[in-house]
Amino acid sequence: MSFSLPAGHTLTDDNLRQIASHRVEFIFIAEPDLRSDEDVAIDTARVAGQVMRIFERANLSDPTMAALFDQVLTYRSA
């Protein structure tokens, strides 16, 4: 099940009851990214460095490990 609320909406008791009754597992809240292009580039480079350190001993020539690396890097860079 999926539903959207308008921007700026304050959750009501009824909203919370609906969420609980449908056993919602996660909620996504969209917020604009207010960082400058320079800040985004700095953050992206920092995250890439962190992921590289995590995978520094991994065999990235292995297709499964390379796919995992790509997925983690993509997820962390978003």
Protein backbone atom coordinates (compact mmCIF):
# COMPACT_ATOMS: atom_id res chain seq x y z
CA MET A 1 0.00 0.00 0.00
CA SER A 2 1.22 3.48 -0.76
CA PHE A 3 -0.23 6.88 -0.10
CA SER A 4 1.04 10.43 -0.15
CA LEU A 5 0.31 13.43 1.97
CA PRO A 6 0.59 17.01 0.74
CA ALA A 7 3.76 18.99 1.40
CA GLY A 8 3.74 20.54 4.84
CA HIS A 9 1.07 18.17 6.15
CA THR A 10 1.15 17.58 9.89
CA LEU A 11 0.43 13.97 10.81
CA THR A 12 -2.88 13.55 12.60
CA ASP A 13 -3.99 10.85 15.01
CA ASP A 14 -6.06 9.41 12.14
CA ASN A 15 -2.98 9.28 9.89
CA LEU A 16 -1.06 7.46 12.61
CA ARG A 17 -3.90 4.98 13.13
CA GLN A 18 -3.95 4.26 9.37
CA ILE A 19 -0.19 3.75 9.36
CA ALA A 20 -0.40 1.37 12.32
CA SER A 21 -3.42 -0.55 10.97
CA HIS A 22 -1.63 -1.21 7.67
CA ARG A 23 1.53 -2.29 9.51
CA VAL A 24 3.65 0.19 7.62
CA GLU A 25 7.30 -0.84 7.63
CA PHE A 26 8.81 2.46 6.53
CA ILE A 27 7.97 6.06 5.79
CA PHE A 28 9.71 8.23 3.24
CA ILE A 29 9.88 11.96 3.82
CA ALA A 30 11.03 14.03 0.85
CA GLU A 31 13.01 17.16 1.59
CA PRO A 32 14.79 19.39 -0.90
CA ASP A 33 18.58 19.13 -0.93
CA LEU A 34 19.76 22.61 0.03
CA ARG A 35 23.47 21.86 -0.35
CA SER A 36 25.50 23.74 -2.93
CA ASP A 37 26.98 21.85 -5.88
CA GLU A 38 30.36 22.17 -4.19
CA ASP A 39 29.03 20.66 -0.96
CA VAL A 40 27.44 17.79 -2.88
CA ALA A 41 30.77 17.09 -4.63
CA ILE A 42 32.63 17.15 -1.30
CA ASP A 43 30.10 14.81 0.34
CA THR A 44 30.16 12.45 -2.65
CA ALA A 45 33.95 12.23 -2.55
CA ARG A 46 33.92 11.64 1.23
CA VAL A 47 31.36 8.83 0.91
CA ALA A 48 33.26 7.23 -1.98
CA GLY A 49 36.39 7.21 0.20
CA GLN A 50 34.51 5.56 3.05
CA VAL A 51 33.10 2.86 0.76
CA MET A 52 36.54 2.27 -0.75
CA ARG A 53 37.99 1.75 2.75
CA ILE A 54 35.24 -0.75 3.58
CA PHE A 55 35.97 -2.71 0.41
CA GLU A 56 39.76 -2.22 0.36
CA ARG A 57 40.48 -5.93 0.90
CA ALA A 58 37.60 -7.17 -1.23
CA ASN A 59 38.24 -8.92 -4.52
CA LEU A 60 36.40 -6.55 -6.86
CA SER A 61 37.29 -8.76 -9.83
CA ASP A 62 34.68 -11.17 -8.45
CA PRO A 63 31.40 -10.23 -10.18
CA THR A 64 29.28 -10.73 -7.05
CA MET A 65 31.57 -8.59 -4.91
CA ALA A 66 31.82 -5.95 -7.63
CA ALA A 67 28.02 -5.81 -7.87
CA LEU A 68 27.75 -5.43 -4.09
CA PHE A 69 30.36 -2.67 -4.15
CA ASP A 70 28.47 -0.85 -6.91
CA GLN A 71 25.18 -1.12 -5.04
CA VAL A 72 26.64 0.12 -1.75
CA LEU A 73 28.43 3.00 -3.47
CA THR A 74 25.28 3.98 -5.36
CA TYR A 75 23.13 3.79 -2.22
CA ARG A 76 25.58 5.76 -0.08
CA SER A 77 26.07 8.40 -2.79
CA ALA A 78 22.38 9.19 -3.16
